N, C-alpha and C. Protein backbone atom coordinates (compact mmCIF):
# COMPACT_ATOMS: atom_id res chain seq x y z
N MET A 1 13.10 -4.30 16.20
CA MET A 1 13.71 -4.45 14.88
C MET A 1 14.13 -3.07 14.38
N ILE A 2 15.41 -2.92 14.04
CA ILE A 2 15.92 -1.66 13.50
C ILE A 2 16.03 -1.77 11.99
N VAL A 3 15.38 -0.85 11.31
CA VAL A 3 15.43 -0.80 9.84
C VAL A 3 16.12 0.49 9.45
N ALA A 4 17.17 0.40 8.63
CA ALA A 4 17.91 1.58 8.21
C ALA A 4 17.67 1.84 6.73
N LEU A 5 17.50 3.12 6.39
CA LEU A 5 17.42 3.53 5.00
C LEU A 5 18.67 4.31 4.66
N ALA A 6 19.42 3.80 3.70
CA ALA A 6 20.66 4.43 3.26
C ALA A 6 20.47 4.95 1.84
N GLY A 7 21.32 5.90 1.47
CA GLY A 7 21.25 6.44 0.11
C GLY A 7 21.88 7.81 0.05
N SER A 8 22.22 8.23 -1.15
CA SER A 8 22.85 9.52 -1.37
C SER A 8 21.87 10.66 -1.09
N ASP A 9 22.40 11.89 -1.03
CA ASP A 9 21.55 13.06 -0.83
C ASP A 9 20.58 13.21 -2.00
N GLY A 10 19.30 13.40 -1.67
CA GLY A 10 18.29 13.60 -2.70
C GLY A 10 17.60 12.34 -3.17
N VAL A 11 17.96 11.20 -2.59
CA VAL A 11 17.38 9.94 -3.09
C VAL A 11 15.97 9.71 -2.55
N GLY A 12 15.57 10.46 -1.51
CA GLY A 12 14.20 10.35 -1.03
C GLY A 12 14.01 9.55 0.24
N LYS A 13 15.04 9.48 1.08
CA LYS A 13 14.96 8.66 2.29
C LYS A 13 13.86 9.15 3.24
N THR A 14 13.82 10.45 3.49
CA THR A 14 12.85 10.99 4.45
C THR A 14 11.42 10.78 3.97
N THR A 15 11.18 11.03 2.69
CA THR A 15 9.84 10.81 2.13
C THR A 15 9.45 9.34 2.21
N ALA A 16 10.39 8.47 1.87
CA ALA A 16 10.11 7.04 1.90
C ALA A 16 9.80 6.57 3.32
N ILE A 17 10.51 7.10 4.30
CA ILE A 17 10.27 6.70 5.69
C ILE A 17 8.85 7.07 6.13
N ARG A 18 8.42 8.26 5.77
CA ARG A 18 7.08 8.70 6.16
C ARG A 18 6.02 7.76 5.60
N HIS A 19 6.14 7.43 4.34
CA HIS A 19 5.15 6.54 3.72
C HIS A 19 5.29 5.11 4.21
N LEU A 20 6.53 4.67 4.47
CA LEU A 20 6.75 3.32 4.95
C LEU A 20 6.13 3.14 6.34
N ALA A 21 6.30 4.12 7.20
CA ALA A 21 5.71 4.04 8.54
C ALA A 21 4.20 3.92 8.46
N GLU A 22 3.58 4.71 7.57
CA GLU A 22 2.14 4.64 7.40
C GLU A 22 1.71 3.26 6.90
N GLU A 23 2.46 2.72 5.95
CA GLU A 23 2.13 1.40 5.39
C GLU A 23 2.21 0.31 6.46
N LEU A 24 3.25 0.35 7.28
CA LEU A 24 3.42 -0.67 8.32
C LEU A 24 2.38 -0.53 9.42
N ARG A 25 2.00 0.70 9.73
CA ARG A 25 0.95 0.89 10.74
C ARG A 25 -0.38 0.34 10.24
N ARG A 26 -0.65 0.52 8.95
CA ARG A 26 -1.88 -0.06 8.39
C ARG A 26 -1.87 -1.58 8.48
N ALA A 27 -0.66 -2.16 8.50
CA ALA A 27 -0.53 -3.62 8.64
C ALA A 27 -0.56 -4.05 10.10
N GLY A 28 -0.80 -3.10 11.00
CA GLY A 28 -0.94 -3.43 12.41
C GLY A 28 0.34 -3.43 13.22
N LYS A 29 1.42 -2.87 12.67
CA LYS A 29 2.69 -2.87 13.37
C LYS A 29 2.90 -1.58 14.17
N THR A 30 3.63 -1.71 15.27
CA THR A 30 4.06 -0.55 16.04
C THR A 30 5.34 -0.01 15.40
N VAL A 31 5.30 1.23 14.95
CA VAL A 31 6.42 1.79 14.18
C VAL A 31 6.87 3.10 14.81
N ARG A 32 8.18 3.27 14.89
CA ARG A 32 8.77 4.51 15.38
C ARG A 32 9.82 4.96 14.38
N SER A 33 9.78 6.24 14.01
CA SER A 33 10.77 6.82 13.11
C SER A 33 11.76 7.63 13.94
N VAL A 34 13.04 7.44 13.65
CA VAL A 34 14.09 8.08 14.44
C VAL A 34 15.06 8.80 13.52
N GLY A 35 15.42 10.03 13.90
CA GLY A 35 16.45 10.78 13.20
C GLY A 35 17.41 11.38 14.20
N ARG A 36 18.60 11.72 13.74
CA ARG A 36 19.64 12.19 14.66
C ARG A 36 19.27 13.49 15.37
N TRP A 37 18.47 14.34 14.71
CA TRP A 37 18.16 15.62 15.32
C TRP A 37 16.97 15.55 16.28
N ASP A 38 16.44 14.34 16.50
CA ASP A 38 15.39 14.17 17.51
C ASP A 38 15.89 14.56 18.90
N ILE A 39 17.19 14.54 19.09
CA ILE A 39 17.75 14.80 20.42
C ILE A 39 17.75 16.28 20.79
N VAL A 40 17.45 17.16 19.85
CA VAL A 40 17.53 18.60 20.08
C VAL A 40 16.22 19.11 20.67
N ASP A 41 16.32 19.80 21.82
CA ASP A 41 15.17 20.44 22.45
C ASP A 41 14.02 19.45 22.64
N ASN A 42 14.37 18.27 23.14
CA ASN A 42 13.38 17.20 23.29
C ASN A 42 13.51 16.63 24.70
N PRO A 43 12.46 16.78 25.53
CA PRO A 43 12.55 16.29 26.92
C PRO A 43 12.76 14.79 27.02
N ALA A 44 12.54 14.06 25.95
CA ALA A 44 12.78 12.62 25.97
C ALA A 44 14.28 12.31 26.00
N TYR A 45 15.12 13.32 25.75
CA TYR A 45 16.57 13.15 25.74
C TYR A 45 17.21 14.15 26.71
N PRO A 46 17.03 13.95 28.01
CA PRO A 46 17.55 14.93 28.98
C PRO A 46 19.06 15.08 28.94
N ALA A 47 19.78 14.04 28.54
CA ALA A 47 21.24 14.11 28.52
C ALA A 47 21.78 15.03 27.44
N THR A 48 20.94 15.41 26.49
CA THR A 48 21.40 16.28 25.40
C THR A 48 20.83 17.70 25.54
N ARG A 49 20.34 18.05 26.72
CA ARG A 49 19.71 19.35 26.90
C ARG A 49 20.71 20.50 26.79
N PHE A 50 22.02 20.21 26.79
CA PHE A 50 23.03 21.26 26.67
C PHE A 50 23.10 21.83 25.26
N ILE A 51 22.47 21.17 24.28
CA ILE A 51 22.46 21.67 22.91
C ILE A 51 21.34 22.70 22.79
N HIS A 52 21.69 23.94 22.59
CA HIS A 52 20.70 25.02 22.59
C HIS A 52 20.46 25.62 21.21
N SER A 53 21.29 25.31 20.24
CA SER A 53 21.09 25.87 18.90
C SER A 53 19.83 25.31 18.26
N ASP A 54 19.21 26.10 17.37
CA ASP A 54 18.15 25.50 16.57
C ASP A 54 18.80 24.55 15.56
N ILE A 55 17.98 23.69 14.98
CA ILE A 55 18.54 22.60 14.17
C ILE A 55 19.27 23.14 12.94
N GLU A 56 18.76 24.18 12.30
CA GLU A 56 19.43 24.70 11.12
C GLU A 56 20.80 25.27 11.46
N ASP A 57 20.88 26.01 12.58
CA ASP A 57 22.17 26.55 13.01
C ASP A 57 23.12 25.41 13.39
N LEU A 58 22.57 24.39 14.03
CA LEU A 58 23.38 23.24 14.42
C LEU A 58 23.96 22.55 13.19
N ARG A 59 23.14 22.37 12.17
CA ARG A 59 23.62 21.76 10.92
C ARG A 59 24.78 22.55 10.33
N GLN A 60 24.66 23.87 10.33
CA GLN A 60 25.71 24.70 9.76
C GLN A 60 26.99 24.61 10.58
N CYS A 61 26.85 24.58 11.90
CA CYS A 61 28.03 24.44 12.76
C CYS A 61 28.72 23.10 12.51
N VAL A 62 27.94 22.04 12.44
CA VAL A 62 28.51 20.72 12.22
C VAL A 62 29.23 20.66 10.87
N ALA A 63 28.63 21.25 9.84
CA ALA A 63 29.24 21.24 8.52
C ALA A 63 30.59 21.95 8.50
N SER A 64 30.78 22.91 9.40
CA SER A 64 32.03 23.66 9.44
C SER A 64 33.13 22.96 10.23
N MET A 65 32.79 21.85 10.90
CA MET A 65 33.81 21.10 11.66
C MET A 65 34.79 20.40 10.71
N PRO A 66 36.00 20.12 11.17
CA PRO A 66 36.90 19.23 10.41
C PRO A 66 36.27 17.84 10.28
N PRO A 67 36.63 17.08 9.25
CA PRO A 67 35.93 15.82 8.98
C PRO A 67 35.89 14.81 10.13
N VAL A 68 37.01 14.56 10.83
CA VAL A 68 37.00 13.53 11.86
C VAL A 68 36.09 13.90 13.03
N PRO A 69 36.24 15.09 13.64
CA PRO A 69 35.29 15.43 14.71
C PRO A 69 33.85 15.54 14.23
N ARG A 70 33.66 15.97 12.99
CA ARG A 70 32.29 16.06 12.45
C ARG A 70 31.66 14.68 12.40
N PHE A 71 32.38 13.70 11.85
CA PHE A 71 31.84 12.35 11.78
C PHE A 71 31.59 11.79 13.17
N THR A 72 32.52 12.01 14.09
CA THR A 72 32.37 11.50 15.44
C THR A 72 31.13 12.10 16.10
N PHE A 73 30.93 13.40 15.93
CA PHE A 73 29.76 14.05 16.51
C PHE A 73 28.47 13.51 15.89
N LEU A 74 28.44 13.36 14.58
CA LEU A 74 27.24 12.85 13.91
C LEU A 74 26.88 11.44 14.39
N MET A 75 27.88 10.62 14.60
CA MET A 75 27.61 9.26 15.09
C MET A 75 27.14 9.29 16.55
N TRP A 76 27.66 10.24 17.33
CA TRP A 76 27.18 10.40 18.70
C TRP A 76 25.71 10.77 18.71
N THR A 77 25.31 11.72 17.86
CA THR A 77 23.90 12.12 17.82
C THR A 77 23.02 10.94 17.45
N MET A 78 23.48 10.10 16.52
CA MET A 78 22.67 8.95 16.11
C MET A 78 22.56 7.93 17.23
N HIS A 79 23.68 7.70 17.92
CA HIS A 79 23.66 6.75 19.03
C HIS A 79 22.72 7.23 20.13
N MET A 80 22.76 8.53 20.43
CA MET A 80 21.88 9.08 21.46
C MET A 80 20.42 9.00 21.03
N ALA A 81 20.15 9.26 19.75
CA ALA A 81 18.76 9.21 19.28
C ALA A 81 18.18 7.81 19.41
N LEU A 82 19.01 6.79 19.22
CA LEU A 82 18.53 5.41 19.28
C LEU A 82 18.52 4.84 20.70
N GLU A 83 19.23 5.47 21.61
CA GLU A 83 19.43 4.89 22.95
C GLU A 83 18.13 4.53 23.66
N PRO A 84 17.09 5.38 23.65
CA PRO A 84 15.86 4.99 24.36
C PRO A 84 15.20 3.74 23.80
N TYR A 85 15.41 3.47 22.52
CA TYR A 85 14.72 2.35 21.89
C TYR A 85 15.37 1.01 22.23
N ALA A 86 16.58 1.06 22.77
CA ALA A 86 17.22 -0.18 23.19
C ALA A 86 16.56 -0.75 24.43
N ARG A 87 15.75 0.06 25.11
CA ARG A 87 15.13 -0.38 26.37
C ARG A 87 13.64 -0.68 26.21
N LEU A 88 13.13 -0.65 25.00
CA LEU A 88 11.70 -0.89 24.80
C LEU A 88 11.35 -2.35 25.09
N ASP A 89 10.26 -2.53 25.80
CA ASP A 89 9.81 -3.89 26.10
C ASP A 89 8.91 -4.45 24.98
N GLU A 90 8.08 -3.57 24.40
CA GLU A 90 7.15 -4.08 23.40
C GLU A 90 7.84 -4.21 22.04
N PRO A 91 7.43 -5.19 21.24
CA PRO A 91 8.02 -5.33 19.91
C PRO A 91 7.63 -4.14 19.04
N SER A 92 8.59 -3.60 18.34
CA SER A 92 8.31 -2.47 17.47
C SER A 92 9.33 -2.45 16.33
N ILE A 93 8.97 -1.71 15.30
CA ILE A 93 9.87 -1.50 14.17
C ILE A 93 10.38 -0.07 14.27
N VAL A 94 11.69 0.09 14.36
CA VAL A 94 12.32 1.40 14.46
C VAL A 94 12.99 1.70 13.12
N ILE A 95 12.47 2.71 12.43
CA ILE A 95 13.01 3.08 11.12
C ILE A 95 13.94 4.27 11.29
N VAL A 96 15.19 4.12 10.83
CA VAL A 96 16.21 5.14 11.04
C VAL A 96 16.54 5.81 9.71
N ASP A 97 16.44 7.13 9.72
CA ASP A 97 16.69 7.92 8.51
C ASP A 97 18.18 8.08 8.29
N GLY A 98 18.71 7.38 7.28
CA GLY A 98 20.12 7.52 6.94
C GLY A 98 21.06 6.71 7.81
N TYR A 99 20.75 6.59 9.07
CA TYR A 99 21.59 5.95 10.09
C TYR A 99 23.04 6.42 9.91
N TRP A 100 24.01 5.50 9.90
CA TRP A 100 25.41 5.93 9.78
C TRP A 100 25.89 5.95 8.34
N MET A 101 25.15 5.33 7.43
CA MET A 101 25.69 4.97 6.12
C MET A 101 26.06 6.17 5.25
N LYS A 102 25.10 7.09 5.06
CA LYS A 102 25.36 8.21 4.16
C LYS A 102 26.45 9.13 4.68
N HIS A 103 26.40 9.44 5.98
CA HIS A 103 27.42 10.32 6.54
C HIS A 103 28.79 9.64 6.55
N ALA A 104 28.82 8.35 6.78
CA ALA A 104 30.09 7.64 6.74
C ALA A 104 30.70 7.71 5.34
N ALA A 105 29.88 7.48 4.33
CA ALA A 105 30.37 7.56 2.95
C ALA A 105 30.80 8.99 2.61
N SER A 106 30.05 9.97 3.12
CA SER A 106 30.40 11.37 2.88
C SER A 106 31.76 11.71 3.47
N GLU A 107 31.99 11.27 4.71
CA GLU A 107 33.24 11.63 5.37
C GLU A 107 34.44 10.89 4.80
N ILE A 108 34.23 9.71 4.26
CA ILE A 108 35.31 9.05 3.52
C ILE A 108 35.69 9.90 2.31
N ALA A 109 34.67 10.46 1.63
CA ALA A 109 34.94 11.36 0.51
C ALA A 109 35.70 12.60 0.95
N TYR A 110 35.52 13.01 2.21
CA TYR A 110 36.23 14.17 2.74
C TYR A 110 37.57 13.81 3.38
N GLY A 111 37.96 12.54 3.31
CA GLY A 111 39.30 12.16 3.71
C GLY A 111 39.44 11.39 5.00
N VAL A 112 38.34 11.06 5.67
CA VAL A 112 38.43 10.26 6.89
C VAL A 112 38.79 8.82 6.51
N GLU A 113 39.71 8.24 7.26
CA GLU A 113 40.14 6.87 6.98
C GLU A 113 38.99 5.90 7.21
N GLU A 114 38.82 4.96 6.29
CA GLU A 114 37.72 4.00 6.42
C GLU A 114 37.89 3.14 7.67
N SER A 115 39.12 2.89 8.10
CA SER A 115 39.33 2.11 9.32
C SER A 115 38.75 2.83 10.53
N TYR A 116 38.86 4.16 10.56
CA TYR A 116 38.28 4.93 11.66
C TYR A 116 36.76 4.88 11.59
N ILE A 117 36.22 5.03 10.38
CA ILE A 117 34.78 4.93 10.18
C ILE A 117 34.27 3.60 10.75
N GLY A 118 34.95 2.52 10.40
CA GLY A 118 34.52 1.21 10.86
C GLY A 118 34.60 1.05 12.36
N SER A 119 35.63 1.62 12.97
CA SER A 119 35.79 1.48 14.42
C SER A 119 34.66 2.17 15.18
N ILE A 120 34.09 3.23 14.60
CA ILE A 120 32.99 3.94 15.23
C ILE A 120 31.65 3.26 14.94
N THR A 121 31.41 2.92 13.68
CA THR A 121 30.09 2.40 13.30
C THR A 121 29.82 1.02 13.89
N THR A 122 30.86 0.24 14.14
CA THR A 122 30.62 -1.08 14.72
C THR A 122 30.15 -0.99 16.17
N MET A 123 30.29 0.18 16.78
CA MET A 123 29.83 0.37 18.16
C MET A 123 28.36 0.79 18.23
N LEU A 124 27.76 1.11 17.08
CA LEU A 124 26.35 1.49 17.05
C LEU A 124 25.46 0.25 17.06
N PRO A 125 24.21 0.37 17.49
CA PRO A 125 23.30 -0.77 17.41
C PRO A 125 23.19 -1.27 15.96
N ARG A 126 23.19 -2.56 15.79
CA ARG A 126 23.16 -3.13 14.45
C ARG A 126 21.76 -3.05 13.85
N ALA A 127 21.70 -2.64 12.60
CA ALA A 127 20.42 -2.65 11.89
C ALA A 127 20.08 -4.09 11.49
N ASP A 128 18.83 -4.47 11.72
CA ASP A 128 18.40 -5.81 11.32
C ASP A 128 18.17 -5.91 9.83
N LEU A 129 17.83 -4.79 9.22
CA LEU A 129 17.55 -4.76 7.79
C LEU A 129 17.94 -3.38 7.27
N THR A 130 18.71 -3.35 6.19
CA THR A 130 19.13 -2.08 5.60
C THR A 130 18.73 -2.05 4.13
N PHE A 131 18.08 -0.97 3.74
CA PHE A 131 17.72 -0.74 2.35
C PHE A 131 18.63 0.36 1.79
N LEU A 132 19.22 0.09 0.64
CA LEU A 132 19.96 1.12 -0.07
C LEU A 132 19.06 1.65 -1.18
N LEU A 133 18.58 2.88 -1.02
CA LEU A 133 17.80 3.52 -2.07
C LEU A 133 18.79 4.14 -3.05
N ASP A 134 18.68 3.76 -4.30
CA ASP A 134 19.68 4.16 -5.29
C ASP A 134 19.02 4.78 -6.50
N ALA A 135 19.65 5.83 -7.03
CA ALA A 135 19.16 6.49 -8.24
C ALA A 135 20.34 7.18 -8.90
N PRO A 136 20.27 7.43 -10.22
CA PRO A 136 21.37 8.12 -10.91
C PRO A 136 21.62 9.49 -10.31
N VAL A 137 22.88 9.88 -10.27
CA VAL A 137 23.26 11.14 -9.63
C VAL A 137 22.63 12.33 -10.34
N ASP A 138 22.49 12.27 -11.63
CA ASP A 138 21.84 13.38 -12.36
C ASP A 138 20.41 13.58 -11.88
N LEU A 139 19.72 12.50 -11.60
CA LEU A 139 18.35 12.62 -11.07
C LEU A 139 18.36 13.20 -9.66
N LEU A 140 19.34 12.81 -8.85
CA LEU A 140 19.46 13.36 -7.50
C LEU A 140 19.65 14.87 -7.55
N TYR A 141 20.46 15.31 -8.50
CA TYR A 141 20.68 16.76 -8.62
C TYR A 141 19.38 17.47 -8.96
N GLU A 142 18.61 16.93 -9.89
CA GLU A 142 17.34 17.57 -10.27
C GLU A 142 16.39 17.65 -9.07
N ARG A 143 16.43 16.66 -8.21
CA ARG A 143 15.57 16.67 -7.03
C ARG A 143 16.05 17.68 -5.98
N LYS A 144 17.36 17.90 -5.92
CA LYS A 144 17.94 18.72 -4.86
C LYS A 144 18.32 20.13 -5.29
N VAL A 145 18.19 20.45 -6.57
CA VAL A 145 18.80 21.67 -7.11
C VAL A 145 18.39 22.93 -6.36
N HIS A 146 17.19 22.98 -5.82
CA HIS A 146 16.72 24.19 -5.12
C HIS A 146 16.93 24.09 -3.60
N ASP A 147 17.60 23.04 -3.16
CA ASP A 147 17.77 22.84 -1.72
C ASP A 147 19.16 22.29 -1.41
N LEU A 148 20.16 22.74 -2.14
CA LEU A 148 21.52 22.23 -1.96
C LEU A 148 22.26 23.01 -0.89
N VAL A 149 23.16 22.31 -0.20
CA VAL A 149 24.08 22.95 0.74
C VAL A 149 25.49 22.51 0.37
N ALA A 150 26.47 23.28 0.83
CA ALA A 150 27.86 23.03 0.42
C ALA A 150 28.34 21.65 0.85
N TYR A 151 27.85 21.16 2.01
CA TYR A 151 28.28 19.85 2.50
C TYR A 151 27.95 18.75 1.50
N GLU A 152 26.90 18.92 0.73
CA GLU A 152 26.50 17.92 -0.27
C GLU A 152 27.26 18.08 -1.59
N CYS A 153 28.07 19.12 -1.67
CA CYS A 153 28.72 19.49 -2.94
C CYS A 153 30.22 19.66 -2.79
N ALA A 154 30.86 18.79 -1.99
CA ALA A 154 32.31 18.85 -1.78
C ALA A 154 32.74 20.19 -1.21
N MET A 155 31.87 20.82 -0.41
CA MET A 155 32.10 22.11 0.23
C MET A 155 32.24 23.26 -0.78
N ASP A 156 31.68 23.08 -1.95
CA ASP A 156 31.65 24.15 -2.94
C ASP A 156 30.56 25.14 -2.56
N PRO A 157 30.91 26.39 -2.18
CA PRO A 157 29.88 27.34 -1.74
C PRO A 157 28.88 27.69 -2.84
N ALA A 158 29.28 27.51 -4.09
CA ALA A 158 28.38 27.79 -5.19
C ALA A 158 27.40 26.64 -5.44
N CYS A 159 27.67 25.48 -4.84
CA CYS A 159 26.81 24.30 -5.03
C CYS A 159 26.56 24.03 -6.51
N SER A 160 27.62 24.01 -7.29
CA SER A 160 27.48 23.79 -8.73
C SER A 160 27.06 22.36 -9.02
N ARG A 161 26.51 22.18 -10.19
CA ARG A 161 26.11 20.84 -10.62
C ARG A 161 27.32 19.91 -10.65
N GLU A 162 28.44 20.43 -11.14
CA GLU A 162 29.64 19.61 -11.28
C GLU A 162 30.14 19.11 -9.93
N SER A 163 30.16 20.00 -8.93
CA SER A 163 30.66 19.59 -7.62
C SER A 163 29.70 18.61 -6.96
N PHE A 164 28.39 18.81 -7.13
CA PHE A 164 27.41 17.89 -6.56
C PHE A 164 27.57 16.51 -7.19
N VAL A 165 27.63 16.47 -8.51
CA VAL A 165 27.70 15.18 -9.22
C VAL A 165 28.98 14.43 -8.85
N LEU A 166 30.10 15.14 -8.80
CA LEU A 166 31.37 14.49 -8.47
C LEU A 166 31.34 13.94 -7.04
N HIS A 167 30.88 14.75 -6.10
CA HIS A 167 30.86 14.33 -4.70
C HIS A 167 29.89 13.19 -4.47
N GLN A 168 28.69 13.31 -5.02
CA GLN A 168 27.68 12.27 -4.82
C GLN A 168 28.04 10.97 -5.54
N THR A 169 28.76 11.06 -6.64
CA THR A 169 29.23 9.85 -7.31
C THR A 169 30.19 9.09 -6.43
N THR A 170 31.07 9.81 -5.74
CA THR A 170 32.00 9.18 -4.80
C THR A 170 31.25 8.50 -3.66
N ILE A 171 30.26 9.20 -3.11
CA ILE A 171 29.44 8.64 -2.03
C ILE A 171 28.71 7.39 -2.52
N ARG A 172 28.11 7.50 -3.68
CA ARG A 172 27.34 6.38 -4.23
C ARG A 172 28.22 5.14 -4.45
N THR A 173 29.45 5.35 -4.90
CA THR A 173 30.37 4.24 -5.11
C THR A 173 30.66 3.52 -3.80
N THR A 174 30.88 4.28 -2.73
CA THR A 174 31.13 3.68 -1.42
C THR A 174 29.91 2.92 -0.93
N LEU A 175 28.73 3.52 -1.09
CA LEU A 175 27.50 2.85 -0.66
C LEU A 175 27.27 1.55 -1.43
N HIS A 176 27.57 1.54 -2.71
CA HIS A 176 27.44 0.32 -3.50
C HIS A 176 28.39 -0.77 -2.98
N LYS A 177 29.60 -0.37 -2.64
CA LYS A 177 30.56 -1.34 -2.11
C LYS A 177 30.05 -1.95 -0.81
N TRP A 178 29.53 -1.10 0.08
CA TRP A 178 29.00 -1.61 1.35
C TRP A 178 27.75 -2.45 1.14
N GLN A 179 26.94 -2.09 0.16
CA GLN A 179 25.74 -2.87 -0.12
C GLN A 179 26.10 -4.32 -0.46
N ARG A 180 27.15 -4.48 -1.25
CA ARG A 180 27.60 -5.84 -1.59
C ARG A 180 28.24 -6.52 -0.39
N GLU A 181 29.01 -5.76 0.38
CA GLU A 181 29.72 -6.34 1.53
C GLU A 181 28.79 -6.76 2.64
N PHE A 182 27.77 -5.94 2.93
CA PHE A 182 26.89 -6.17 4.07
C PHE A 182 25.53 -6.76 3.67
N ASN A 183 25.37 -7.01 2.37
CA ASN A 183 24.14 -7.66 1.88
C ASN A 183 22.90 -6.81 2.14
N TRP A 184 23.01 -5.50 1.93
CA TRP A 184 21.84 -4.64 2.02
C TRP A 184 20.91 -4.92 0.85
N ILE A 185 19.65 -4.57 0.99
CA ILE A 185 18.68 -4.71 -0.10
C ILE A 185 18.72 -3.42 -0.93
N LYS A 186 19.07 -3.54 -2.18
CA LYS A 186 19.19 -2.38 -3.06
C LYS A 186 17.88 -2.20 -3.83
N LEU A 187 17.36 -0.96 -3.80
CA LEU A 187 16.11 -0.65 -4.47
C LEU A 187 16.30 0.53 -5.42
N ASP A 188 15.64 0.46 -6.55
CA ASP A 188 15.69 1.54 -7.53
C ASP A 188 14.78 2.67 -7.08
N ALA A 189 15.37 3.76 -6.56
CA ALA A 189 14.59 4.87 -6.03
C ALA A 189 14.18 5.85 -7.10
N ALA A 190 14.48 5.57 -8.37
CA ALA A 190 13.98 6.39 -9.46
C ALA A 190 12.52 6.05 -9.77
N ARG A 191 12.05 4.95 -9.24
CA ARG A 191 10.66 4.53 -9.44
C ARG A 191 9.72 5.37 -8.58
N PRO A 192 8.42 5.31 -8.84
CA PRO A 192 7.46 6.01 -7.97
C PRO A 192 7.57 5.57 -6.52
N VAL A 193 7.36 6.50 -5.60
CA VAL A 193 7.50 6.23 -4.17
C VAL A 193 6.65 5.04 -3.72
N PRO A 194 5.37 4.92 -4.14
CA PRO A 194 4.58 3.77 -3.67
C PRO A 194 5.20 2.42 -4.02
N GLU A 195 5.85 2.33 -5.17
CA GLU A 195 6.49 1.07 -5.55
C GLU A 195 7.67 0.76 -4.63
N VAL A 196 8.49 1.75 -4.35
CA VAL A 196 9.65 1.57 -3.47
C VAL A 196 9.20 1.21 -2.07
N VAL A 197 8.22 1.93 -1.56
CA VAL A 197 7.71 1.69 -0.21
C VAL A 197 7.08 0.30 -0.13
N GLY A 198 6.36 -0.10 -1.15
CA GLY A 198 5.74 -1.43 -1.16
C GLY A 198 6.78 -2.53 -1.06
N ASP A 199 7.88 -2.38 -1.79
CA ASP A 199 8.97 -3.38 -1.73
C ASP A 199 9.56 -3.45 -0.32
N MET A 200 9.77 -2.30 0.30
CA MET A 200 10.34 -2.29 1.64
C MET A 200 9.38 -2.90 2.65
N ALA A 201 8.11 -2.54 2.57
CA ALA A 201 7.13 -3.06 3.53
C ALA A 201 7.02 -4.58 3.43
N ARG A 202 7.00 -5.09 2.22
CA ARG A 202 6.92 -6.55 2.05
C ARG A 202 8.14 -7.25 2.64
N ALA A 203 9.32 -6.68 2.44
CA ALA A 203 10.54 -7.29 2.98
C ALA A 203 10.52 -7.27 4.51
N ILE A 204 10.08 -6.17 5.09
CA ILE A 204 10.02 -6.06 6.55
C ILE A 204 9.00 -7.04 7.14
N LEU A 205 7.85 -7.11 6.53
CA LEU A 205 6.80 -7.99 7.05
C LEU A 205 7.17 -9.47 6.92
N ARG A 206 7.98 -9.79 5.92
CA ARG A 206 8.47 -11.16 5.81
C ARG A 206 9.39 -11.53 6.97
């Protein structure tokens, strides 16, 4: 079972995944957390051993790419990260941080045609359950203010509040549209983490 967590930058996806995995393990489930950068310097992914940069340098290089190759590369990393789990024999819950959703919405904001986005994302393994963690953009800024990068702020090197809010509002609008189109479960991520995680765990266990 593939579970995807979608949401804008700063909404708390990584934190929620950590707590969700713990909650599901307490319920007796086999849980694996997967992120796109798992493929870097990891013997479990021999086909990606040609990537020698550390993850922070890799992130900066990717951010400097033009939008179309950047999105294509990001989706390749996600597909490679998930590839070993397609061969698992035992039942397990695979929780994916962000999956394709946030980066797809980001690259649409940077000018990539949505038709191209769709042609790539439909080739990825389908998520059985997707949660959209949602919170007001002003709250996202307060959470991210000391950890902003230009990619999250419409490539504004100053990472101003205005550029972050404008860019993330565009991303959030796209995610809301997809949530309605694909019937994702929308959760209020402004609530305390245990409440959000509890809602997700109950939905998965059902």
